[in-house]
Amino acid sequence: MSIIIRRFNEQGVQAFESLLARFRELKAIVNSDLEGLLFNDLYTSQVPDTDQMDLPESNSKSEISTAIITALNLEGNVKLFYDQGLWTWLAALMLKRLVPPDKVNGELHFKESALYVLETSNWKRYYRHLVAFPCWIKCTLKESGKIFMRGDIHQRGEAVEQLAAVQDIQRNTSILDAATLLYFDDKSGKLRKGAASKDTGGTLRRFREVIKQFKVTYDLNAMTGQQIVDLLPGEFSKWRKRMKVDA
């Protein structure tokens, strides 16, 4: 079904935040209340100069992001990335996808509001949004950001937690290319086993810390992903070997 994209006004954002607080207490979504807000002219308005959106049935982060980027023509409307009302409305529209039911008891466990209500004034909060950030990644970083795009739309993923939290890493395509070479298996579309481990040397956590040190000495922007991989110390050797095996 095609959807006309709307945005919340200031009162709409506040009304959605109130709904979230109520849903969090109920551990459930009241469909009539949510739908009554989504298309209410008192709280929303149509986003001009955009196409109708056809959301895929799949919950794939990549597929949903592609549909949104296309409908909004984001490459030509980059200012929309910081439209709080737009991204908060899109999160509200997809709230059931963003908060899947508990497999045991069917309850909904809502996380911090920043995952659903876009915070534009602080990049440390912006990147937490489950809809805006994947679209920014796919539109801006393209193939260099694919390590962030795995999984379903409600999943942030370990790569996001470890790498996107550092702005100089989050936006540096050379560093992300290096991380992708080391930890991402193109054949399976998943992180290599052990990449997210807390205990093993050369994992994502260690990569982040070593890159922070390298930035003091090296101009990583001028290097390729492979050059950064080659520069990494011995603890990353097994990951370099896995790169060659999986190639």
Protein backbone atom coordinates (compact mmCIF):
# COMPACT_ATOMS: atom_id res chain seq x y z
CA MET A 1 0.00 0.00 0.00
CA SER A 2 1.31 3.43 -0.94
CA ILE A 3 1.66 5.93 1.90
CA ILE A 4 1.70 9.71 1.70
CA ILE A 5 4.61 10.82 3.86
CA ARG A 6 3.78 13.26 6.63
CA ARG A 7 5.65 15.02 9.43
CA PHE A 8 4.73 15.87 12.99
CA ASN A 9 4.55 19.50 14.04
CA GLU A 10 5.89 20.42 17.47
CA GLN A 11 2.64 19.46 19.16
CA GLY A 12 2.63 16.18 17.25
CA VAL A 13 6.10 15.26 18.49
CA GLN A 14 5.01 15.99 22.05
CA ALA A 15 1.82 13.96 21.59
CA PHE A 16 3.84 11.00 20.27
CA GLU A 17 6.23 11.23 23.22
CA SER A 18 3.20 11.05 25.53
CA LEU A 19 1.91 8.02 23.66
CA LEU A 20 5.30 6.34 23.96
CA ALA A 21 5.26 6.86 27.72
CA ARG A 22 1.81 5.27 27.90
CA PHE A 23 2.72 2.38 25.62
CA ARG A 24 5.87 1.80 27.70
CA GLU A 25 3.73 1.36 30.81
CA LEU A 26 1.25 -0.89 29.02
CA LYS A 27 4.01 -2.83 27.25
CA ALA A 28 1.73 -2.69 24.24
CA ILE A 29 0.67 -0.40 21.38
CA VAL A 30 -2.90 0.89 21.28
CA ASN A 31 -3.48 0.90 17.52
CA SER A 32 -6.43 3.29 17.52
CA ASP A 33 -4.50 5.90 19.50
CA LEU A 34 -1.43 5.66 17.29
CA GLU A 35 -3.36 5.77 14.00
CA GLY A 36 -5.45 8.66 15.32
CA LEU A 37 -2.25 10.66 15.74
CA LEU A 38 -0.43 9.63 12.56
CA PHE A 39 -2.95 11.15 10.15
CA ASN A 40 -4.43 13.90 12.30
CA ASP A 41 -4.20 17.30 10.57
CA LEU A 42 -3.89 19.00 13.95
CA TYR A 43 -0.58 17.27 14.57
CA THR A 44 0.78 16.40 11.13
CA SER A 45 1.12 17.75 7.62
CA GLN A 46 2.13 16.25 4.29
CA VAL A 47 5.79 16.59 3.31
CA PRO A 48 5.79 18.55 0.02
CA ASP A 49 7.65 17.52 -3.14
CA THR A 50 7.94 13.86 -2.13
CA ASP A 51 6.63 10.70 -3.76
CA GLN A 52 4.28 8.24 -2.14
CA MET A 53 6.17 5.54 -0.29
CA ASP A 54 5.80 1.80 -0.71
CA LEU A 55 7.29 0.14 2.35
CA PRO A 56 8.50 -3.42 1.75
CA GLU A 57 6.88 -6.24 3.69
CA SER A 58 10.36 -7.23 4.80
CA ASN A 59 11.76 -5.68 7.98
CA SER A 60 15.19 -5.45 6.38
CA LYS A 61 16.98 -2.28 7.45
CA SER A 62 18.52 -1.96 4.00
CA GLU A 63 15.28 -2.46 2.06
CA ILE A 64 13.26 -0.08 4.23
CA SER A 65 15.98 2.58 4.02
CA THR A 66 16.03 2.29 0.24
CA ALA A 67 12.26 2.81 0.05
CA ILE A 68 12.44 5.92 2.25
CA ILE A 69 15.46 7.40 0.45
CA THR A 70 13.70 6.96 -2.89
CA ALA A 71 10.38 8.44 -1.77
CA LEU A 72 12.02 11.47 -0.15
CA ASN A 73 14.68 11.90 -2.85
CA LEU A 74 17.10 12.30 0.03
CA GLU A 75 20.18 12.71 -2.13
CA GLY A 76 18.64 15.91 -3.44
CA ASN A 77 17.04 16.95 -0.13
CA VAL A 78 19.79 16.45 2.45
CA LYS A 79 18.24 19.09 4.74
CA LEU A 80 15.51 16.55 5.48
CA PHE A 81 17.99 14.47 7.48
CA TYR A 82 17.56 16.96 10.33
CA ASP A 83 13.76 17.25 10.17
CA GLN A 84 12.69 16.00 13.59
CA GLY A 85 9.00 15.91 12.74
CA LEU A 86 9.57 13.81 9.61
CA TRP A 87 11.75 11.11 11.16
CA THR A 88 9.72 10.93 14.33
CA TRP A 89 6.57 10.47 12.23
CA LEU A 90 8.25 7.71 10.20
CA ALA A 91 9.26 5.97 13.43
CA ALA A 92 5.69 6.26 14.69
CA LEU A 93 4.41 4.84 11.39
CA MET A 94 6.70 1.81 11.76
CA LEU A 95 6.48 1.51 15.54
CA LYS A 96 5.32 -2.12 15.41
CA ARG A 97 8.42 -2.99 13.38
CA LEU A 98 10.71 -1.03 15.70
CA VAL A 99 9.39 -2.70 18.86
CA PRO A 100 8.88 -6.39 18.12
CA PRO A 101 7.01 -8.48 20.73
CA ASP A 102 8.85 -10.55 23.29
CA LYS A 103 9.09 -14.11 22.00
CA VAL A 104 8.07 -15.54 25.37
CA ASN A 105 5.16 -13.40 26.57
CA GLY A 106 4.37 -11.12 23.62
CA GLU A 107 5.01 -7.95 25.62
CA LEU A 108 6.59 -4.90 23.97
CA HIS A 109 9.70 -3.53 25.62
CA PHE A 110 10.29 0.06 24.56
CA LYS A 111 13.84 1.36 24.82
CA GLU A 112 15.03 4.95 25.22
CA SER A 113 12.99 7.57 23.38
CA ALA A 114 15.96 8.63 21.21
CA LEU A 115 15.43 5.46 19.16
CA TYR A 116 12.00 6.74 18.09
CA VAL A 117 12.07 10.54 18.56
CA LEU A 118 14.85 12.12 16.52
CA GLU A 119 17.22 14.36 18.46
CA THR A 120 18.89 16.70 16.00
CA SER A 121 20.99 18.92 18.25
CA ASN A 122 23.44 16.23 19.40
CA TRP A 123 25.03 13.72 16.99
CA LYS A 124 25.58 11.33 19.90
CA ARG A 125 21.80 11.08 20.13
CA TYR A 126 21.03 11.44 16.41
CA TYR A 127 22.80 8.22 15.48
CA ARG A 128 20.61 6.24 17.88
CA HIS A 129 17.44 6.83 15.85
CA LEU A 130 16.34 3.55 14.27
CA VAL A 131 15.05 5.08 11.03
CA ALA A 132 16.96 8.32 10.37
CA PHE A 133 20.45 6.97 10.96
CA PRO A 134 20.25 3.94 8.61
CA CYS A 135 18.88 6.23 5.89
CA TRP A 136 21.70 8.71 6.48
CA ILE A 137 24.24 5.86 6.32
CA LYS A 138 22.86 4.32 3.13
CA CYS A 139 22.42 7.66 1.37
CA THR A 140 25.68 9.30 2.46
CA LEU A 141 28.22 6.51 2.93
CA LYS A 142 26.76 4.07 0.41
CA GLU A 143 28.87 0.87 0.19
CA SER A 144 31.28 2.09 2.85
CA GLY A 145 28.44 1.98 5.38
CA LYS A 146 27.19 -1.54 4.68
CA ILE A 147 28.65 -2.89 7.92
CA PHE A 148 25.97 -0.79 9.68
CA MET A 149 23.10 -1.93 7.45
CA ARG A 150 22.84 -5.60 8.31
CA GLY A 151 19.78 -6.99 10.08
CA ASP A 152 16.24 -5.79 10.64
CA ILE A 153 15.15 -2.20 11.17
CA HIS A 154 14.76 -2.62 14.95
CA GLN A 155 18.30 -3.94 15.37
CA ARG A 156 21.12 -1.49 16.02
CA GLY A 157 23.85 -4.12 15.90
CA GLU A 158 27.30 -4.34 17.46
CA ALA A 159 29.00 -2.47 14.61
CA VAL A 160 26.76 0.53 15.24
CA GLU A 161 27.34 0.36 18.99
CA GLN A 162 31.12 0.18 18.66
CA LEU A 163 31.88 2.35 15.62
CA ALA A 164 29.02 4.80 15.12
CA ALA A 165 29.42 6.11 18.65
CA VAL A 166 32.66 7.83 17.57
CA GLN A 167 31.89 10.61 15.09
CA ASP A 168 35.37 10.60 13.50
CA ILE A 169 34.90 6.89 12.76
CA GLN A 170 31.21 7.05 11.90
CA ARG A 171 31.81 9.47 9.02
CA ASN A 172 35.21 8.35 7.75
CA THR A 173 34.75 6.06 4.74
CA SER A 174 38.37 4.85 4.81
CA ILE A 175 38.04 3.63 8.41
CA LEU A 176 34.68 2.02 7.68
CA ASP A 177 36.12 0.33 4.59
CA ALA A 178 38.87 -1.13 6.79
CA ALA A 179 36.32 -2.37 9.34
CA THR A 180 34.24 -3.90 6.55
CA LEU A 181 37.27 -5.72 5.12
CA LEU A 182 38.12 -7.15 8.53
CA TYR A 183 34.77 -8.03 9.99
CA PHE A 184 32.10 -8.23 7.28
CA ASP A 185 31.49 -11.40 5.26
CA ASP A 186 29.99 -10.39 1.92
CA LYS A 187 28.88 -13.93 1.15
CA SER A 188 26.68 -14.24 4.22
CA GLY A 189 25.92 -10.55 4.66
CA LYS A 190 26.85 -10.88 8.35
CA LEU A 191 29.66 -9.99 10.71
CA ARG A 192 32.35 -12.65 10.93
CA LYS A 193 31.99 -14.86 13.99
CA GLY A 194 33.70 -13.38 17.02
CA ALA A 195 33.91 -9.83 15.67
CA ALA A 196 31.66 -8.54 18.44
CA SER A 197 33.41 -10.48 21.23
CA LYS A 198 34.46 -8.57 24.33
CA ASP A 199 37.37 -10.81 25.17
CA THR A 200 39.17 -11.67 21.92
CA GLY A 201 41.99 -9.50 20.57
CA GLY A 202 41.47 -7.61 17.36
CA THR A 203 37.66 -7.34 17.68
CA LEU A 204 35.49 -4.34 16.86
CA ARG A 205 36.06 -2.86 20.31
CA ARG A 206 39.83 -3.03 19.90
CA PHE A 207 39.62 -1.72 16.34
CA ARG A 208 37.84 1.38 17.64
CA GLU A 209 40.47 2.03 20.30
CA VAL A 210 43.44 1.45 17.98
CA ILE A 211 41.91 3.77 15.36
CA LYS A 212 41.57 6.49 17.99
CA GLN A 213 45.32 6.16 18.65
CA PHE A 214 46.19 6.09 14.95
CA LYS A 215 44.31 9.33 14.30
CA VAL A 216 46.88 11.17 16.42
CA THR A 217 49.74 10.05 14.16
CA TYR A 218 48.31 9.20 10.74
CA ASP A 219 46.13 11.00 8.20
CA LEU A 220 43.59 8.20 7.88
CA ASN A 221 41.46 10.26 5.50
CA ALA A 222 44.23 10.01 2.91
CA MET A 223 44.51 6.23 3.22
CA THR A 224 42.50 3.39 1.71
CA GLY A 225 40.73 0.80 3.80
CA GLN A 226 43.34 -1.80 2.86
CA GLN A 227 46.20 0.49 3.87
CA ILE A 228 44.61 0.95 7.30
CA VAL A 229 44.16 -2.82 7.63
CA ASP A 230 47.84 -3.35 6.78
CA LEU A 231 48.82 -0.81 9.42
CA LEU A 232 47.04 -2.59 12.28
CA PRO A 233 49.17 -4.42 14.87
CA GLY A 234 49.64 -8.17 15.25
CA GLU A 235 46.49 -8.79 17.28
CA PHE A 236 44.52 -8.26 14.05
CA SER A 237 46.45 -10.92 12.11
CA LYS A 238 43.77 -13.58 12.36
CA TRP A 239 41.21 -11.20 10.91
CA ARG A 240 43.50 -10.40 7.99
CA LYS A 241 43.83 -14.17 7.39
CA ARG A 242 40.06 -14.56 7.42
CA MET A 243 39.79 -11.79 4.84
CA LYS A 244 41.94 -13.84 2.46
CA VAL A 245 40.10 -17.11 3.19
CA ASP A 246 36.67 -15.55 2.58
CA ALA A 247 37.77 -13.67 -0.55
